[in-house]
């Protein structure tokens, strides 16, 4: 989704296992221009249209963050610390 920089993995063919998206330090995501949508409503409509909404979905919007009891914020605790996006033709 262009407005929020969010990716949705529907775990269909070619997307690999869910664990593969959360374990590496760097996540590389390759998308085609026809997979790009502008916002959440358009993404949900596309997922329903393609039948992907019936599969488990993983949304990726950036590194995770958490705080300890002293409110010291730490990013990238769960999942990749960085995301690289390749947009193909």
PDB file of N, CA and C in Angstrom:
ATOM      1  N   UNK A   1       0.841  -1.171   0.000  1.00  0.00           N
ATOM      2  CA  UNK A   1       0.000   0.000   0.000  1.00  0.00           C
ATOM      3  C   UNK A   1       0.888   1.237   0.000  1.00  0.00           C
ATOM      4  N   UNK A   2       0.747   2.018  -1.013  1.00  0.00           N
ATOM      5  CA  UNK A   2       1.623   3.176  -1.189  1.00  0.00           C
ATOM      6  C   UNK A   2       1.472   4.209  -0.078  1.00  0.00           C
ATOM      7  N   UNK A   3       0.253   4.435   0.399  1.00  0.00           N
ATOM      8  CA  UNK A   3       0.038   5.484   1.407  1.00  0.00           C
ATOM      9  C   UNK A   3       0.713   5.192   2.741  1.00  0.00           C
ATOM     10  N   UNK A   4       0.791   3.932   3.116  1.00  0.00           N
ATOM     11  CA  UNK A   4       1.351   3.586   4.426  1.00  0.00           C
ATOM     12  C   UNK A   4       2.670   2.830   4.340  1.00  0.00           C
ATOM     13  N   UNK A   5       3.060   2.404   3.139  1.00  0.00           N
ATOM     14  CA  UNK A   5       4.275   1.607   3.001  1.00  0.00           C
ATOM     15  C   UNK A   5       4.111   0.206   3.561  1.00  0.00           C
ATOM     16  N   UNK A   6       2.882  -0.288   3.568  1.00  0.00           N
ATOM     17  CA  UNK A   6       2.590  -1.600   4.133  1.00  0.00           C
ATOM     18  C   UNK A   6       2.558  -2.667   3.051  1.00  0.00           C
ATOM     19  N   UNK A   7       3.108  -3.841   3.383  1.00  0.00           N
ATOM     20  CA  UNK A   7       3.045  -4.998   2.501  1.00  0.00           C
ATOM     21  C   UNK A   7       2.131  -6.020   3.138  1.00  0.00           C
ATOM     22  N   UNK A   8       1.384  -6.717   2.308  1.00  0.00           N
ATOM     23  CA  UNK A   8       0.573  -7.823   2.806  1.00  0.00           C
ATOM     24  C   UNK A   8       1.038  -9.073   2.093  1.00  0.00           C
ATOM     25  N   UNK A   9       1.478 -10.043   2.857  1.00  0.00           N
ATOM     26  CA  UNK A   9       1.823 -11.344   2.307  1.00  0.00           C
ATOM     27  C   UNK A   9       0.623 -12.250   2.516  1.00  0.00           C
ATOM     28  N   UNK A  10       0.112 -12.831   1.416  1.00  0.00           N
ATOM     29  CA  UNK A  10      -1.032 -13.727   1.544  1.00  0.00           C
ATOM     30  C   UNK A  10      -0.598 -15.188   1.565  1.00  0.00           C
ATOM     31  N   UNK A  11       0.699 -15.424   1.531  1.00  0.00           N
ATOM     32  CA  UNK A  11       1.298 -16.745   1.642  1.00  0.00           C
ATOM     33  C   UNK A  11       0.831 -17.679   0.540  1.00  0.00           C
ATOM     34  N   UNK A  12       0.593 -17.079  -0.623  1.00  0.00           N
ATOM     35  CA  UNK A  12       0.282 -17.862  -1.808  1.00  0.00           C
ATOM     36  C   UNK A  12       1.570 -18.339  -2.456  1.00  0.00           C
ATOM     37  N   UNK A  13       1.464 -18.920  -3.638  1.00  0.00           N
ATOM     38  CA  UNK A  13       2.647 -19.422  -4.351  1.00  0.00           C
ATOM     39  C   UNK A  13       3.702 -18.328  -4.552  1.00  0.00           C
ATOM     40  N   UNK A  14       4.946 -18.668  -4.322  1.00  0.00           N
ATOM     41  CA  UNK A  14       6.044 -17.743  -4.537  1.00  0.00           C
ATOM     42  C   UNK A  14       6.365 -16.838  -3.356  1.00  0.00           C
ATOM     43  N   UNK A  15       5.604 -16.919  -2.269  1.00  0.00           N
ATOM     44  CA  UNK A  15       5.848 -16.043  -1.130  1.00  0.00           C
ATOM     45  C   UNK A  15       6.584 -16.722   0.013  1.00  0.00           C
ATOM     46  N   UNK A  16       6.741 -18.001  -0.046  1.00  0.00           N
ATOM     47  CA  UNK A  16       7.498 -18.700   0.995  1.00  0.00           C
ATOM     48  C   UNK A  16       6.728 -18.854   2.289  1.00  0.00           C
ATOM     49  N   UNK A  17       7.395 -19.430   3.254  1.00  0.00           N
ATOM     50  CA  UNK A  17       6.788 -19.684   4.562  1.00  0.00           C
ATOM     51  C   UNK A  17       6.794 -18.415   5.405  1.00  0.00           C
ATOM     52  N   UNK A  18       5.829 -18.309   6.306  1.00  0.00           N
ATOM     53  CA  UNK A  18       5.714 -17.122   7.157  1.00  0.00           C
ATOM     54  C   UNK A  18       6.977 -16.910   7.988  1.00  0.00           C
ATOM     55  N   UNK A  19       7.556 -17.982   8.502  1.00  0.00           N
ATOM     56  CA  UNK A  19       8.760 -17.854   9.333  1.00  0.00           C
ATOM     57  C   UNK A  19       9.900 -17.195   8.564  1.00  0.00           C
ATOM     58  N   UNK A  20       9.952 -17.413   7.273  1.00  0.00           N
ATOM     59  CA  UNK A  20      11.025 -16.827   6.464  1.00  0.00           C
ATOM     60  C   UNK A  20      10.923 -15.307   6.403  1.00  0.00           C
ATOM     61  N   UNK A  21       9.752 -14.752   6.711  1.00  0.00           N
ATOM     62  CA  UNK A  21       9.581 -13.299   6.669  1.00  0.00           C
ATOM     63  C   UNK A  21       9.885 -12.636   8.004  1.00  0.00           C
ATOM     64  N   UNK A  22      10.002 -13.413   9.072  1.00  0.00           N
ATOM     65  CA  UNK A  22      10.197 -12.818  10.391  1.00  0.00           C
ATOM     66  C   UNK A  22      11.551 -13.119  11.008  1.00  0.00           C
ATOM     67  N   UNK A  23      12.264 -14.096  10.492  1.00  0.00           N
ATOM     68  CA  UNK A  23      13.531 -14.501  11.089  1.00  0.00           C
ATOM     69  C   UNK A  23      14.734 -13.702  10.590  1.00  0.00           C
ATOM     70  N   UNK A  24      14.873 -13.431   9.275  1.00  0.00           N
ATOM     71  CA  UNK A  24      16.074 -12.749   8.782  1.00  0.00           C
ATOM     72  C   UNK A  24      16.210 -11.324   9.314  1.00  0.00           C
ATOM     73  N   UNK A  25      17.435 -10.846   9.386  1.00  0.00           N
ATOM     74  CA  UNK A  25      17.689  -9.476   9.820  1.00  0.00           C
ATOM     75  C   UNK A  25      17.241  -8.478   8.750  1.00  0.00           C
ATOM     76  N   UNK A  26      17.337  -8.882   7.481  1.00  0.00           N
ATOM     77  CA  UNK A  26      16.904  -8.036   6.368  1.00  0.00           C
ATOM     78  C   UNK A  26      15.887  -8.801   5.545  1.00  0.00           C
ATOM     79  N   UNK A  27      14.759  -8.159   5.260  1.00  0.00           N
ATOM     80  CA  UNK A  27      13.706  -8.751   4.442  1.00  0.00           C
ATOM     81  C   UNK A  27      13.738  -8.057   3.097  1.00  0.00           C
ATOM     82  N   UNK A  28      13.865  -8.829   2.017  1.00  0.00           N
ATOM     83  CA  UNK A  28      13.826  -8.289   0.665  1.00  0.00           C
ATOM     84  C   UNK A  28      12.493  -8.687   0.050  1.00  0.00           C
ATOM     85  N   UNK A  29      11.732  -7.706  -0.383  1.00  0.00           N
ATOM     86  CA  UNK A  29      10.407  -7.936  -0.948  1.00  0.00           C
ATOM     87  C   UNK A  29      10.417  -7.479  -2.399  1.00  0.00           C
ATOM     88  N   UNK A  30      10.082  -8.386  -3.314  1.00  0.00           N
ATOM     89  CA  UNK A  30      10.009  -8.050  -4.732  1.00  0.00           C
ATOM     90  C   UNK A  30       8.537  -7.998  -5.117  1.00  0.00           C
ATOM     91  N   UNK A  31       8.096  -6.856  -5.641  1.00  0.00           N
ATOM     92  CA  UNK A  31       6.712  -6.681  -6.075  1.00  0.00           C
ATOM     93  C   UNK A  31       6.696  -6.206  -7.514  1.00  0.00           C
ATOM     94  N   UNK A  32       5.611  -6.507  -8.191  1.00  0.00           N
ATOM     95  CA  UNK A  32       5.431  -6.005  -9.550  1.00  0.00           C
ATOM     96  C   UNK A  32       4.491  -4.804  -9.497  1.00  0.00           C
ATOM     97  N   UNK A  33       4.543  -3.980 -10.502  1.00  0.00           N
ATOM     98  CA  UNK A  33       3.739  -2.760 -10.491  1.00  0.00           C
ATOM     99  C   UNK A  33       2.239  -3.057 -10.412  1.00  0.00           C
ATOM    100  N   UNK A  34       1.801  -4.195 -10.941  1.00  0.00           N
ATOM    101  CA  UNK A  34       0.376  -4.523 -10.877  1.00  0.00           C
ATOM    102  C   UNK A  34      -0.058  -4.970  -9.480  1.00  0.00           C
ATOM    103  N   UNK A  35       0.890  -5.188  -8.575  1.00  0.00           N
ATOM    104  CA  UNK A  35       0.563  -5.563  -7.202  1.00  0.00           C
ATOM    105  C   UNK A  35       0.433  -4.343  -6.293  1.00  0.00           C
ATOM    106  N   UNK A  36       0.795  -3.173  -6.778  1.00  0.00           N
ATOM    107  CA  UNK A  36       0.735  -1.960  -5.965  1.00  0.00           C
ATOM    108  C   UNK A  36      -0.692  -1.420  -5.884  1.00  0.00           C
ATOM    109  N   UNK A  37      -1.084  -1.009  -4.700  1.00  0.00           N
ATOM    110  CA  UNK A  37      -2.380  -0.344  -4.487  1.00  0.00           C
ATOM    111  C   UNK A  37      -2.118   0.917  -3.678  1.00  0.00           C
ATOM    112  N   UNK A  38      -3.103   1.799  -3.629  1.00  0.00           N
ATOM    113  CA  UNK A  38      -2.868   3.073  -2.954  1.00  0.00           C
ATOM    114  C   UNK A  38      -3.129   3.046  -1.459  1.00  0.00           C
ATOM    115  N   UNK A  39      -4.135   2.289  -1.013  1.00  0.00           N
ATOM    116  CA  UNK A  39      -4.505   2.372   0.398  1.00  0.00           C
ATOM    117  C   UNK A  39      -5.131   1.063   0.903  1.00  0.00           C
ATOM    118  N   UNK A  40      -5.505   1.055   2.172  1.00  0.00           N
ATOM    119  CA  UNK A  40      -6.040  -0.152   2.817  1.00  0.00           C
ATOM    120  C   UNK A  40      -7.329  -0.637   2.145  1.00  0.00           C
ATOM    121  N   UNK A  41      -8.327   0.223   1.898  1.00  0.00           N
ATOM    122  CA  UNK A  41      -9.542  -0.279   1.260  1.00  0.00           C
ATOM    123  C   UNK A  41      -9.283  -0.957  -0.091  1.00  0.00           C
ATOM    124  N   UNK A  42      -8.380  -0.390  -0.878  1.00  0.00           N
ATOM    125  CA  UNK A  42      -8.056  -0.991  -2.173  1.00  0.00           C
ATOM    126  C   UNK A  42      -7.356  -2.336  -1.979  1.00  0.00           C
ATOM    127  N   UNK A  43      -6.486  -2.429  -0.987  1.00  0.00           N
ATOM    128  CA  UNK A  43      -5.793  -3.698  -0.712  1.00  0.00           C
ATOM    129  C   UNK A  43      -6.777  -4.775  -0.282  1.00  0.00           C
ATOM    130  N   UNK A  44      -7.705  -4.425   0.612  1.00  0.00           N
ATOM    131  CA  UNK A  44      -8.694  -5.396   1.080  1.00  0.00           C
ATOM    132  C   UNK A  44      -9.572  -5.854  -0.084  1.00  0.00           C
ATOM    133  N   UNK A  45      -9.996  -4.921  -0.917  1.00  0.00           N
ATOM    134  CA  UNK A  45     -10.814  -5.281  -2.078  1.00  0.00           C
ATOM    135  C   UNK A  45     -10.062  -6.231  -2.998  1.00  0.00           C
ATOM    136  N   UNK A  46      -8.780  -5.978  -3.220  1.00  0.00           N
ATOM    137  CA  UNK A  46      -7.977  -6.848  -4.085  1.00  0.00           C
ATOM    138  C   UNK A  46      -7.821  -8.235  -3.469  1.00  0.00           C
ATOM    139  N   UNK A  47      -7.607  -8.301  -2.159  1.00  0.00           N
ATOM    140  CA  UNK A  47      -7.480  -9.599  -1.489  1.00  0.00           C
ATOM    141  C   UNK A  47      -8.767 -10.412  -1.610  1.00  0.00           C
ATOM    142  N   UNK A  48      -9.903  -9.760  -1.469  1.00  0.00           N
ATOM    143  CA  UNK A  48     -11.188 -10.445  -1.596  1.00  0.00           C
ATOM    144  C   UNK A  48     -11.409 -10.895  -3.041  1.00  0.00           C
ATOM    145  N   UNK A  49     -11.106 -10.009  -3.975  1.00  0.00           N
ATOM    146  CA  UNK A  49     -11.291 -10.286  -5.405  1.00  0.00           C
ATOM    147  C   UNK A  49     -10.480 -11.501  -5.859  1.00  0.00           C
ATOM    148  N   UNK A  50      -9.266 -11.618  -5.357  1.00  0.00           N
ATOM    149  CA  UNK A  50      -8.382 -12.713  -5.780  1.00  0.00           C
ATOM    150  C   UNK A  50      -8.552 -13.973  -4.940  1.00  0.00           C
ATOM    151  N   UNK A  51      -9.350 -13.910  -3.891  1.00  0.00           N
ATOM    152  CA  UNK A  51      -9.541 -15.071  -3.023  1.00  0.00           C
ATOM    153  C   UNK A  51      -8.459 -15.227  -1.983  1.00  0.00           C
ATOM    154  N   UNK A  52      -7.495 -14.314  -1.958  1.00  0.00           N
ATOM    155  CA  UNK A  52      -6.387 -14.413  -1.008  1.00  0.00           C
ATOM    156  C   UNK A  52      -6.820 -14.119   0.418  1.00  0.00           C
ATOM    157  N   UNK A  53      -7.984 -13.491   0.583  1.00  0.00           N
ATOM    158  CA  UNK A  53      -8.446 -13.143   1.936  1.00  0.00           C
ATOM    159  C   UNK A  53      -8.801 -14.375   2.760  1.00  0.00           C
ATOM    160  N   UNK A  54      -8.869 -15.532   2.126  1.00  0.00           N
ATOM    161  CA  UNK A  54      -9.195 -16.765   2.857  1.00  0.00           C
ATOM    162  C   UNK A  54      -7.952 -17.415   3.468  1.00  0.00           C
ATOM    163  N   UNK A  55      -6.771 -16.923   3.109  1.00  0.00           N
ATOM    164  CA  UNK A  55      -5.509 -17.451   3.655  1.00  0.00           C
ATOM    165  C   UNK A  55      -5.031 -16.563   4.796  1.00  0.00           C
ATOM    166  N   UNK A  56      -4.138 -17.087   5.648  1.00  0.00           N
ATOM    167  CA  UNK A  56      -3.537 -16.220   6.680  1.00  0.00           C
ATOM    168  C   UNK A  56      -2.790 -15.071   6.016  1.00  0.00           C
ATOM    169  N   UNK A  57      -2.876 -13.885   6.583  1.00  0.00           N
ATOM    170  CA  UNK A  57      -2.236 -12.702   6.019  1.00  0.00           C
ATOM    171  C   UNK A  57      -1.217 -12.144   6.999  1.00  0.00           C
ATOM    172  N   UNK A  58      -0.074 -11.715   6.481  1.00  0.00           N
ATOM    173  CA  UNK A  58       0.943 -11.054   7.289  1.00  0.00           C
ATOM    174  C   UNK A  58       1.102  -9.641   6.751  1.00  0.00           C
ATOM    175  N   UNK A  59       0.918  -8.661   7.619  1.00  0.00           N
ATOM    176  CA  UNK A  59       1.091  -7.258   7.225  1.00  0.00           C
ATOM    177  C   UNK A  59       2.424  -6.755   7.766  1.00  0.00           C
ATOM    178  N   UNK A  60       3.195  -6.113   6.897  1.00  0.00           N
ATOM    179  CA  UNK A  60       4.507  -5.614   7.277  1.00  0.00           C
ATOM    180  C   UNK A  60       4.516  -4.110   7.030  1.00  0.00           C
ATOM    181  N   UNK A  61       4.680  -3.339   8.108  1.00  0.00           N
ATOM    182  CA  UNK A  61       4.690  -1.880   7.972  1.00  0.00           C
ATOM    183  C   UNK A  61       5.981  -1.252   8.457  1.00  0.00           C
ATOM    184  N   UNK A  62       6.888  -2.028   8.911  1.00  0.00           N
ATOM    185  CA  UNK A  62       8.148  -1.510   9.434  1.00  0.00           C
ATOM    186  C   UNK A  62       8.613  -2.380  10.571  1.00  0.00           C
ATOM    187  N   UNK A  63       9.728  -2.043  11.152  1.00  0.00           N
ATOM    188  CA  UNK A  63      10.245  -2.873  12.239  1.00  0.00           C
ATOM    189  C   UNK A  63       9.332  -2.816  13.464  1.00  0.00           C
ATOM    190  N   UNK A  64       9.291  -3.917  14.188  1.00  0.00           N
ATOM    191  CA  UNK A  64       8.510  -3.928  15.421  1.00  0.00           C
ATOM    192  C   UNK A  64       9.192  -3.046  16.454  1.00  0.00           C
ATOM    193  N   UNK A  65       8.453  -2.694  17.465  1.00  0.00           N
ATOM    194  CA  UNK A  65       9.019  -1.872  18.534  1.00  0.00           C
ATOM    195  C   UNK A  65       8.427  -2.313  19.864  1.00  0.00           C
ATOM    196  N   UNK A  66       9.213  -2.177  20.892  1.00  0.00           N
ATOM    197  CA  UNK A  66       8.750  -2.501  22.235  1.00  0.00           C
ATOM    198  C   UNK A  66       9.459  -1.586  23.220  1.00  0.00           C
ATOM    199  N   UNK A  67       8.939  -1.508  24.414  1.00  0.00           N
ATOM    200  CA  UNK A  67       9.569  -0.712  25.473  1.00  0.00           C
ATOM    201  C   UNK A  67       9.654  -1.550  26.738  1.00  0.00           C
ATOM    202  N   UNK A  68      10.716  -1.341  27.496  1.00  0.00           N
ATOM    203  CA  UNK A  68      10.834  -2.054  28.764  1.00  0.00           C
ATOM    204  C   UNK A  68      10.135  -1.247  29.863  1.00  0.00           C
ATOM    205  N   UNK A  69      10.277  -1.671  31.085  1.00  0.00           N
ATOM    206  CA  UNK A  69       9.599  -1.031  32.217  1.00  0.00           C
ATOM    207  C   UNK A  69       9.991   0.433  32.384  1.00  0.00           C
ATOM    208  N   UNK A  70      11.189   0.783  31.917  1.00  0.00           N
ATOM    209  CA  UNK A  70      11.659   2.172  32.004  1.00  0.00           C
ATOM    210  C   UNK A  70      11.323   2.969  30.751  1.00  0.00           C
ATOM    211  N   UNK A  71      10.512   2.366  29.872  1.00  0.00           N
ATOM    212  CA  UNK A  71      10.058   2.993  28.629  1.00  0.00           C
ATOM    213  C   UNK A  71      11.194   3.285  27.652  1.00  0.00           C
ATOM    214  N   UNK A  72      12.258   2.479  27.710  1.00  0.00           N
ATOM    215  CA  UNK A  72      13.320   2.575  26.716  1.00  0.00           C
ATOM    216  C   UNK A  72      12.861   1.827  25.463  1.00  0.00           C
ATOM    217  N   UNK A  73      12.652   2.553  24.381  1.00  0.00           N
ATOM    218  CA  UNK A  73      12.134   1.965  23.146  1.00  0.00           C
ATOM    219  C   UNK A  73      13.235   1.236  22.399  1.00  0.00           C
ATOM    220  N   UNK A  74      12.917   0.033  21.932  1.00  0.00           N
ATOM    221  CA  UNK A  74      13.831  -0.775  21.131  1.00  0.00           C
ATOM    222  C   UNK A  74      13.077  -1.204  19.880  1.00  0.00           C
ATOM    223  N   UNK A  75      13.659  -0.957  18.704  1.00  0.00           N
ATOM    224  CA  UNK A  75      13.017  -1.340  17.450  1.00  0.00           C
ATOM    225  C   UNK A  75      13.652  -2.597  16.892  1.00  0.00           C
ATOM    226  N   UNK A  76      12.867  -3.323  16.103  1.00  0.00           N
ATOM    227  CA  UNK A  76      13.379  -4.507  15.420  1.00  0.00           C
ATOM    228  C   UNK A  76      13.549  -5.717  16.307  1.00  0.00           C
ATOM    229  N   UNK A  77      12.801  -5.791  17.394  1.00  0.00           N
ATOM    230  CA  UNK A  77      12.920  -6.918  18.309  1.00  0.00           C
ATOM    231  C   UNK A  77      12.336  -8.180  17.692  1.00  0.00           C
ATOM    232  N   UNK A  78      11.183  -8.053  17.068  1.00  0.00           N
ATOM    233  CA  UNK A  78      10.504  -9.178  16.448  1.00  0.00           C
ATOM    234  C   UNK A  78      10.468  -8.936  14.953  1.00  0.00           C
ATOM    235  N   UNK A  79      11.163  -9.750  14.216  1.00  0.00           N
ATOM    236  CA  UNK A  79      11.156  -9.606  12.765  1.00  0.00           C
ATOM    237  C   UNK A  79      12.349  -8.829  12.258  1.00  0.00           C
ATOM    238  N   UNK A  80      12.361  -8.583  10.942  1.00  0.00           N
ATOM    239  CA  UNK A  80      13.498  -7.922  10.307  1.00  0.00           C
ATOM    240  C   UNK A  80      13.740  -6.512  10.819  1.00  0.00           C
ATOM    241  N   UNK A  81      15.014  -6.128  10.885  1.00  0.00           N
ATOM    242  CA  UNK A  81      15.373  -4.775  11.278  1.00  0.00           C
ATOM    243  C   UNK A  81      15.309  -3.819  10.089  1.00  0.00           C
ATOM    244  N   UNK A  82      15.446  -4.377   8.892  1.00  0.00           N
ATOM    245  CA  UNK A  82      15.366  -3.524   7.703  1.00  0.00           C
ATOM    246  C   UNK A  82      14.599  -4.240   6.600  1.00  0.00           C
ATOM    247  N   UNK A  83      14.008  -3.436   5.732  1.00  0.00           N
ATOM    248  CA  UNK A  83      13.200  -3.946   4.634  1.00  0.00           C
ATOM    249  C   UNK A  83      13.698  -3.300   3.354  1.00  0.00           C
ATOM    250  N   UNK A  84      13.949  -4.104   2.367  1.00  0.00           N
ATOM    251  CA  UNK A  84      14.377  -3.612   1.046  1.00  0.00           C
ATOM    252  C   UNK A  84      13.277  -3.989   0.061  1.00  0.00           C
ATOM    253  N   UNK A  85      12.876  -3.040  -0.761  1.00  0.00           N
ATOM    254  CA  UNK A  85      11.795  -3.257  -1.719  1.00  0.00           C
ATOM    255  C   UNK A  85      12.342  -3.120  -3.140  1.00  0.00           C
ATOM    256  N   UNK A  86      12.015  -4.090  -3.978  1.00  0.00           N
ATOM    257  CA  UNK A  86      12.374  -4.052  -5.379  1.00  0.00           C
ATOM    258  C   UNK A  86      11.066  -4.046  -6.156  1.00  0.00           C
ATOM    259  N   UNK A  87      10.841  -2.994  -6.957  1.00  0.00           N
ATOM    260  CA  UNK A  87       9.635  -2.915  -7.780  1.00  0.00           C
ATOM    261  C   UNK A  87      10.023  -3.291  -9.211  1.00  0.00           C
ATOM    262  N   UNK A  88       9.412  -4.371  -9.699  1.00  0.00           N
ATOM    263  CA  UNK A  88       9.744  -4.885 -11.023  1.00  0.00           C
ATOM    264  C   UNK A  88       8.628  -4.549 -12.004  1.00  0.00           C
ATOM    265  N   UNK A  89       9.037  -4.054 -13.161  1.00  0.00           N
ATOM    266  CA  UNK A  89       8.231  -3.725 -14.310  1.00  0.00           C
ATOM    267  C   UNK A  89       6.791  -3.749 -14.191  1.00  0.00           C
TER     268      UNK A  89
END
